[in-house]
Amino acid sequence: MNLRKVVAVGYGGPELLEVLTGEPAEPGEPGPDEVLVEVRAIGVNAWDVKSYSGSVGDDPDKLPVELGGECAGVVLAGALPVGAEVIVHPVGSAYADRVVARVGSCVPKPAMLSWPEAAGLMLTGTAAAHLVHATGVADGETVLLNGAAGGVGLFAAQLARHRGARVLGTALPEDHEVLRELGVEPFDFREDVEGWVRAQAPGGVDAVLDAVGAPPVLDVSLAVAQDRDRVATLIPSPAAAQRGIAQLGFGDGADPGTELRAAARFELVKGVEEGWLRVVVADTFPLDRAADAHRAMVGAHGAGKIVLVT
């Protein structure tokens, strides 16, 4: 088998992605607490694109940039049974035919999930779990979810609904149908969001879950929230810090929620197995077309996750 791995050979756009083959794509042998996984599908995430864009550094000594933080596949060797189907997150260099991962990063794949669905579950799913937990969403509450049709938003909507909350979600009109299927009340974010929210919740919403991060969106969030301490964003930025909004994830002043996110992986699997959590896949691309997947990622694509398949 001629193994492949996709890396960014420079800083800039998707045209800088290159498919390596042969020895450069070999992941090596697994250590005592590791496994070798034959990858079937890889989740594409915003950080994958941002990591080589130049916006977070352009040190030539760090080239090529390895890509991919989640995948799903079959164990070939190591500390888990050969043939076990697993979801792997966190992991590095997942844009490949094979990866070596820690046993602790592997979770059994639910049988009812396709490979693309399995690959798209963990990274945005755990971020969504962090967001719902940090804002204390509870039964009977009304919450505003900014960016409801994105990879994080769709999971956050379902997790909040599972807790018994009413979810008001912003998204493009073409994504409203899938949101309604998930029990979300959708609204076009290009319209008067503040006016719409006040009409739906005259006393304000109990919490705001933000997966957008734009300053005007943050201002509306604070305007409609009953308690600004229950407004949180997954997009750390100076704008969020200046407004005193809780920042989650990775960045200056942000709470990474490492332990919470690790534990949430099992909650997500349980949700899938119990039938109340759905993975929405917007589109799939072959591994060799990772550049096209990244172009789709930064463009207008349908609701849900973009996934690479091997």
Protein backbone atom coordinates (compact mmCIF):
# COMPACT_ATOMS: atom_id res chain seq x y z
CA MET A 1 0.00 0.00 0.00
CA ASN A 2 1.37 3.40 -1.02
CA LEU A 3 0.57 5.44 2.05
CA ARG A 4 -0.42 9.11 1.81
CA LYS A 5 -0.31 12.12 4.12
CA VAL A 6 -1.45 15.67 3.41
CA VAL A 7 0.60 18.60 4.74
CA ALA A 8 0.89 22.33 4.09
CA VAL A 9 4.27 23.09 2.50
CA GLY A 10 3.91 26.86 2.92
CA TYR A 11 1.79 29.57 4.51
CA GLY A 12 -1.20 30.87 2.64
CA GLY A 13 -4.15 29.21 0.91
CA PRO A 14 -5.25 25.65 0.11
CA GLU A 15 -3.08 25.59 -3.01
CA LEU A 16 -0.16 24.97 -0.60
CA LEU A 17 -1.46 21.59 0.49
CA GLU A 18 0.57 18.68 -0.83
CA VAL A 19 0.02 14.93 -0.78
CA LEU A 20 3.13 13.11 0.44
CA THR A 21 3.54 9.43 -0.39
CA GLY A 22 5.81 6.60 0.62
CA GLU A 23 8.26 6.95 3.50
CA PRO A 24 7.28 10.57 4.44
CA ALA A 25 3.74 9.29 5.02
CA GLU A 26 4.79 6.43 7.30
CA PRO A 27 3.57 7.07 10.88
CA GLY A 28 6.05 4.72 12.54
CA GLU A 29 5.38 1.90 14.98
CA PRO A 30 3.11 2.27 18.01
CA GLY A 31 4.65 2.48 21.49
CA PRO A 32 3.52 0.61 24.63
CA ASP A 33 0.37 2.72 25.17
CA GLU A 34 -0.33 3.46 21.53
CA VAL A 35 -2.12 2.01 18.53
CA LEU A 36 -1.62 2.07 14.79
CA VAL A 37 -4.90 2.98 13.08
CA GLU A 38 -5.90 2.56 9.45
CA VAL A 39 -7.80 5.77 8.85
CA ARG A 40 -11.16 5.62 7.10
CA ALA A 41 -12.30 9.24 7.49
CA ILE A 42 -10.98 12.55 8.88
CA GLY A 43 -12.90 15.51 10.27
CA VAL A 44 -12.05 18.86 8.68
CA ASN A 45 -12.05 21.76 11.11
CA ALA A 46 -11.48 25.51 11.08
CA TRP A 47 -8.13 25.16 12.84
CA ASP A 48 -6.83 22.95 10.04
CA VAL A 49 -7.22 25.88 7.63
CA LYS A 50 -6.07 28.52 10.10
CA SER A 51 -2.91 26.62 11.10
CA TYR A 52 -1.16 27.32 7.78
CA SER A 53 -2.98 30.51 6.78
CA GLY A 54 -0.28 32.75 8.22
CA SER A 55 -2.67 34.34 10.72
CA VAL A 56 -1.19 32.40 13.65
CA GLY A 57 2.46 32.44 12.59
CA ASP A 58 4.60 31.86 9.53
CA ASP A 59 7.83 30.39 10.87
CA PRO A 60 9.50 28.55 7.96
CA ASP A 61 11.21 26.24 10.45
CA LYS A 62 7.78 24.80 11.33
CA LEU A 63 7.08 23.67 7.77
CA PRO A 64 5.58 21.43 6.64
CA VAL A 65 2.49 21.98 8.81
CA GLU A 66 0.88 18.70 9.87
CA LEU A 67 -2.91 18.73 9.65
CA GLY A 68 -5.84 17.03 11.34
CA GLY A 69 -7.01 16.58 14.92
CA GLU A 70 -9.66 13.87 14.61
CA CYS A 71 -10.29 10.72 12.59
CA ALA A 72 -11.96 7.34 12.66
CA GLY A 73 -10.61 3.99 11.58
CA VAL A 74 -9.59 0.43 12.35
CA VAL A 75 -6.83 -0.69 14.73
CA LEU A 76 -4.01 -2.47 12.91
CA ALA A 77 -1.59 -3.01 15.81
CA GLY A 78 -0.74 -1.92 19.31
CA ALA A 79 -2.40 -1.84 22.71
CA LEU A 80 -6.01 -2.36 21.52
CA PRO A 81 -7.46 -5.42 19.75
CA VAL A 82 -6.66 -5.63 16.05
CA GLY A 83 -9.80 -4.85 14.06
CA ALA A 84 -11.36 -2.62 16.70
CA GLU A 85 -13.26 0.30 15.14
CA VAL A 86 -12.34 3.53 16.91
CA ILE A 87 -12.84 7.28 16.87
CA VAL A 88 -9.54 9.04 17.54
CA HIS A 89 -9.33 12.46 19.22
CA PRO A 90 -7.16 14.21 20.14
CA VAL A 91 -4.54 13.17 17.62
CA GLY A 92 -2.03 14.84 15.33
CA SER A 93 -1.32 14.42 11.62
CA ALA A 94 -4.73 12.85 10.97
CA TYR A 95 -4.76 13.78 7.27
CA ALA A 96 -3.25 10.42 6.42
CA ASP A 97 -3.95 6.81 5.57
CA ARG A 98 -2.50 5.70 8.91
CA VAL A 99 -1.87 7.36 12.26
CA VAL A 100 -0.29 6.39 15.55
CA ALA A 101 -2.39 7.51 18.51
CA ARG A 102 -2.48 7.16 22.28
CA VAL A 103 -4.89 4.54 23.60
CA GLY A 104 -6.46 7.29 25.71
CA SER A 105 -7.40 9.15 22.54
CA CYS A 106 -9.43 6.21 21.21
CA VAL A 107 -13.14 5.75 21.82
CA PRO A 108 -15.14 2.79 20.43
CA LYS A 109 -17.03 3.78 17.28
CA PRO A 110 -20.82 3.37 17.60
CA ALA A 111 -21.94 0.79 15.06
CA MET A 112 -24.74 2.99 13.76
CA LEU A 113 -22.36 5.73 12.61
CA SER A 114 -20.88 5.78 9.12
CA TRP A 115 -17.16 6.47 8.90
CA PRO A 116 -17.68 10.13 7.89
CA GLU A 117 -20.14 10.63 10.75
CA ALA A 118 -17.73 9.05 13.23
CA ALA A 119 -14.86 11.23 12.02
CA GLY A 120 -16.97 14.37 12.45
CA LEU A 121 -18.19 13.71 15.97
CA MET A 122 -15.48 14.57 18.44
CA LEU A 123 -13.64 17.84 17.90
CA THR A 124 -16.64 20.11 17.44
CA GLY A 125 -18.79 17.88 19.62
CA THR A 126 -16.53 18.27 22.63
CA ALA A 127 -16.24 22.01 22.02
CA ALA A 128 -20.03 22.21 22.00
CA ALA A 129 -20.24 20.25 25.24
CA HIS A 130 -17.80 22.72 26.81
CA LEU A 131 -19.94 25.65 25.64
CA VAL A 132 -23.18 24.17 26.99
CA HIS A 133 -21.54 23.32 30.31
CA ALA A 134 -19.88 26.72 30.72
CA THR A 135 -23.16 28.58 30.20
CA GLY A 136 -25.05 26.30 32.59
CA VAL A 137 -27.90 25.50 30.22
CA ALA A 138 -30.78 23.97 32.15
CA ASP A 139 -34.27 22.54 31.69
CA GLY A 140 -36.94 25.12 30.87
CA GLU A 141 -34.51 27.88 29.88
CA THR A 142 -34.34 29.81 26.61
CA VAL A 143 -30.92 30.24 25.02
CA LEU A 144 -29.55 32.02 21.98
CA LEU A 145 -27.09 30.05 19.84
CA ASN A 146 -25.03 32.11 17.40
CA GLY A 147 -23.82 30.03 14.44
CA ALA A 148 -26.32 27.25 14.97
CA ALA A 149 -25.72 25.45 11.66
CA GLY A 150 -21.94 25.10 11.96
CA GLY A 151 -20.09 22.04 13.16
CA VAL A 152 -20.12 23.25 16.77
CA GLY A 153 -23.54 24.83 16.56
CA LEU A 154 -25.40 21.70 15.51
CA PHE A 155 -23.97 19.75 18.44
CA ALA A 156 -24.54 22.60 20.90
CA ALA A 157 -28.16 22.82 19.77
CA GLN A 158 -28.75 19.13 20.39
CA LEU A 159 -26.96 19.10 23.73
CA ALA A 160 -28.95 22.11 24.92
CA ARG A 161 -32.22 20.58 23.71
CA HIS A 162 -31.35 17.35 25.51
CA ARG A 163 -31.06 19.35 28.71
CA GLY A 164 -34.59 20.64 28.11
CA ALA A 165 -33.78 24.13 26.87
CA ARG A 166 -35.53 26.11 24.16
CA VAL A 167 -32.95 27.04 21.52
CA LEU A 168 -33.11 30.15 19.34
CA GLY A 169 -30.50 29.74 16.61
CA THR A 170 -29.02 32.03 13.97
CA ALA A 171 -28.13 30.64 10.55
CA LEU A 172 -28.61 31.19 6.83
CA PRO A 173 -32.15 30.37 5.59
CA GLU A 174 -30.95 27.36 3.58
CA ASP A 175 -29.93 25.74 6.86
CA HIS A 176 -33.19 26.39 8.72
CA GLU A 177 -34.82 23.09 7.77
CA VAL A 178 -32.16 20.93 9.41
CA LEU A 179 -32.26 23.15 12.49
CA ARG A 180 -36.02 22.73 12.77
CA GLU A 181 -35.54 18.97 12.53
CA LEU A 182 -33.31 19.25 15.61
CA GLY A 183 -35.87 21.30 17.52
CA VAL A 184 -34.22 24.70 17.01
CA GLU A 185 -36.16 27.90 16.25
CA PRO A 186 -34.02 29.46 13.48
CA PHE A 187 -33.55 33.04 12.29
CA ASP A 188 -31.48 34.66 9.53
CA PHE A 189 -28.47 36.31 11.18
CA ARG A 190 -28.44 38.97 8.44
CA GLU A 191 -31.75 40.35 9.75
CA ASP A 192 -32.59 42.10 13.04
CA VAL A 193 -31.46 39.40 15.47
CA GLU A 194 -31.86 41.55 18.57
CA GLY A 195 -35.43 42.47 17.65
CA TRP A 196 -36.31 38.86 16.88
CA VAL A 197 -34.85 37.57 20.13
CA ARG A 198 -36.70 40.22 22.16
CA ALA A 199 -39.95 39.18 20.45
CA GLN A 200 -39.31 35.51 21.32
CA ALA A 201 -38.01 36.15 24.84
CA PRO A 202 -39.23 39.57 26.05
CA GLY A 203 -37.34 39.28 29.32
CA GLY A 204 -34.12 38.26 27.60
CA VAL A 205 -32.52 34.86 27.14
CA ASP A 206 -31.09 32.87 30.01
CA ALA A 207 -27.77 32.24 28.24
CA VAL A 208 -25.96 32.93 24.97
CA LEU A 209 -23.78 30.30 23.29
CA ASP A 210 -21.55 31.89 20.68
CA ALA A 211 -19.73 30.10 17.88
CA VAL A 212 -19.24 33.18 15.67
CA GLY A 213 -17.11 35.68 17.60
CA ALA A 214 -17.72 38.80 15.48
CA PRO A 215 -17.90 41.98 17.59
CA PRO A 216 -21.41 42.98 16.40
CA VAL A 217 -22.64 39.48 17.29
CA LEU A 218 -21.06 39.73 20.74
CA ASP A 219 -22.77 43.09 21.29
CA VAL A 220 -26.18 41.65 20.43
CA SER A 221 -25.46 38.70 22.71
CA LEU A 222 -24.84 40.99 25.67
CA ALA A 223 -27.87 43.10 24.82
CA VAL A 224 -30.32 40.18 24.95
CA ALA A 225 -28.80 38.21 27.83
CA GLN A 226 -30.37 38.40 31.28
CA ASP A 227 -26.99 37.64 32.84
CA ARG A 228 -23.78 38.59 31.01
CA ASP A 229 -21.94 36.00 33.10
CA ARG A 230 -23.82 33.36 31.09
CA VAL A 231 -22.55 34.57 27.73
CA ALA A 232 -19.64 32.51 26.38
CA THR A 233 -17.80 32.27 23.08
CA LEU A 234 -15.67 29.60 21.46
CA ILE A 235 -13.82 32.26 19.45
CA PRO A 236 -11.28 33.90 21.80
CA SER A 237 -10.40 37.43 20.73
CA PRO A 238 -9.52 40.88 22.06
CA ALA A 239 -13.12 41.89 21.32
CA ALA A 240 -14.47 39.17 23.60
CA ALA A 241 -11.95 40.01 26.32
CA GLN A 242 -12.78 43.72 26.18
CA ARG A 243 -16.46 42.89 26.65
CA GLY A 244 -15.81 40.59 29.58
CA ILE A 245 -17.24 37.57 27.78
CA ALA A 246 -16.11 34.11 28.89
CA GLN A 247 -13.72 32.68 26.30
CA LEU A 248 -13.44 28.95 25.74
CA GLY A 249 -10.90 27.00 23.73
CA PHE A 250 -7.36 27.99 22.86
CA GLY A 251 -6.01 31.51 23.05
CA ASP A 252 -4.89 34.15 25.53
CA GLY A 253 -7.21 34.16 28.53
CA ALA A 254 -9.31 31.25 27.26
CA ASP A 255 -10.37 28.20 29.25
CA PRO A 256 -9.26 25.10 27.31
CA GLY A 257 -11.57 22.82 29.30
CA THR A 258 -9.20 19.92 28.70
CA GLU A 259 -10.63 17.49 31.25
CA LEU A 260 -14.24 18.42 30.50
CA ARG A 261 -13.78 17.90 26.78
CA ALA A 262 -12.03 14.57 27.31
CA ALA A 263 -14.93 13.32 29.43
CA ALA A 264 -17.49 14.70 26.97
CA ARG A 265 -16.32 12.22 24.31
CA PHE A 266 -18.15 9.45 26.16
CA GLU A 267 -21.28 11.60 26.60
CA LEU A 268 -21.32 12.16 22.84
CA VAL A 269 -21.01 8.44 22.09
CA LYS A 270 -23.80 7.73 24.58
CA GLY A 271 -25.99 10.34 22.89
CA VAL A 272 -25.47 8.71 19.50
CA GLU A 273 -26.20 5.24 20.88
CA GLU A 274 -29.34 6.44 22.66
CA GLY A 275 -30.55 8.11 19.48
CA TRP A 276 -30.82 11.72 20.61
CA LEU A 277 -27.55 12.98 19.07
CA ARG A 278 -27.09 13.21 15.31
CA VAL A 279 -23.94 13.90 13.30
CA VAL A 280 -24.72 16.10 10.29
CA VAL A 281 -22.21 15.77 7.43
CA ALA A 282 -22.32 18.62 4.93
CA ASP A 283 -19.96 17.07 2.35
CA THR A 284 -17.17 14.55 1.88
CA PHE A 285 -13.99 14.75 -0.19
CA PRO A 286 -11.30 12.16 -0.98
CA LEU A 287 -8.07 12.64 0.97
CA ASP A 288 -6.27 13.61 -2.24
CA ARG A 289 -8.68 16.55 -2.57
CA ALA A 290 -8.00 18.06 0.84
CA ALA A 291 -7.39 21.42 -0.83
CA ASP A 292 -10.92 21.38 -2.24
CA ALA A 293 -12.26 20.47 1.19
CA HIS A 294 -10.49 23.51 2.65
CA ARG A 295 -11.89 25.76 -0.07
CA ALA A 296 -15.34 24.49 0.86
CA MET A 297 -14.57 25.06 4.53
CA VAL A 298 -13.88 28.76 4.06
CA GLY A 299 -16.72 29.20 1.56
CA ALA A 300 -20.46 28.86 1.91
CA HIS A 301 -21.25 25.20 2.54
CA GLY A 302 -24.27 23.41 3.91
CA ALA A 303 -25.00 22.75 7.55
CA GLY A 304 -22.67 20.36 9.33
CA LYS A 305 -19.20 18.92 9.01
CA ILE A 306 -16.88 18.54 6.04
CA VAL A 307 -15.06 15.21 6.09
CA LEU A 308 -12.19 13.62 4.17
CA VAL A 309 -12.41 9.93 3.26
CA THR A 310 -9.50 7.64 2.42
